[in-house]
Amino acid sequence: MRVLTLPLLIACVASACTVSTSGSPTAAPYAPSTSSTSSATATPGADAIHYDCDDGRGVRIGYGDHNAILQMDDEPAIILPRAESASTTGVDVYVGRHVALQREGDSIQLELTGASLRCWPTPPSP
């Protein structure tokens, strides 16, 4: 028996997810330019960290007390709020509409519409 309650439906709509035929939520496609968390004026800032990801992409991230500003290559910047309940000592989690970021030590893990990327800080130039 599958029953979708109104709170579950509202949560699904608010987080831009869809329900598959098996009844489990799935993420909507990654679209930073149409996301409500993207901002034309947001930039990672001068103190941003540049990361190289295992798929060859580059990412710049500026960290604040309550959010992270993420910019992948030439894509628009995305503001990700810090998920206080998921963050612990030494691990920071930021969750947006189509992107999730986990920062642990020097490395990060990005979840983009089902794709999982591991990224490390770009080594300084000699």
Foldseek 3Di string as FASTA:
>chain_A
DDDDDPVNVVVCVVLVWDADPVGDTAADADDQVPFPQFDQPDDLDPPWFWKAKPVGKIKTWHDDPFWIWIDIDPDTIGIWGWPVVPADVQWTWTDGSAWIWIDHPQWIWIAGRNDIIIIGTDDDDD
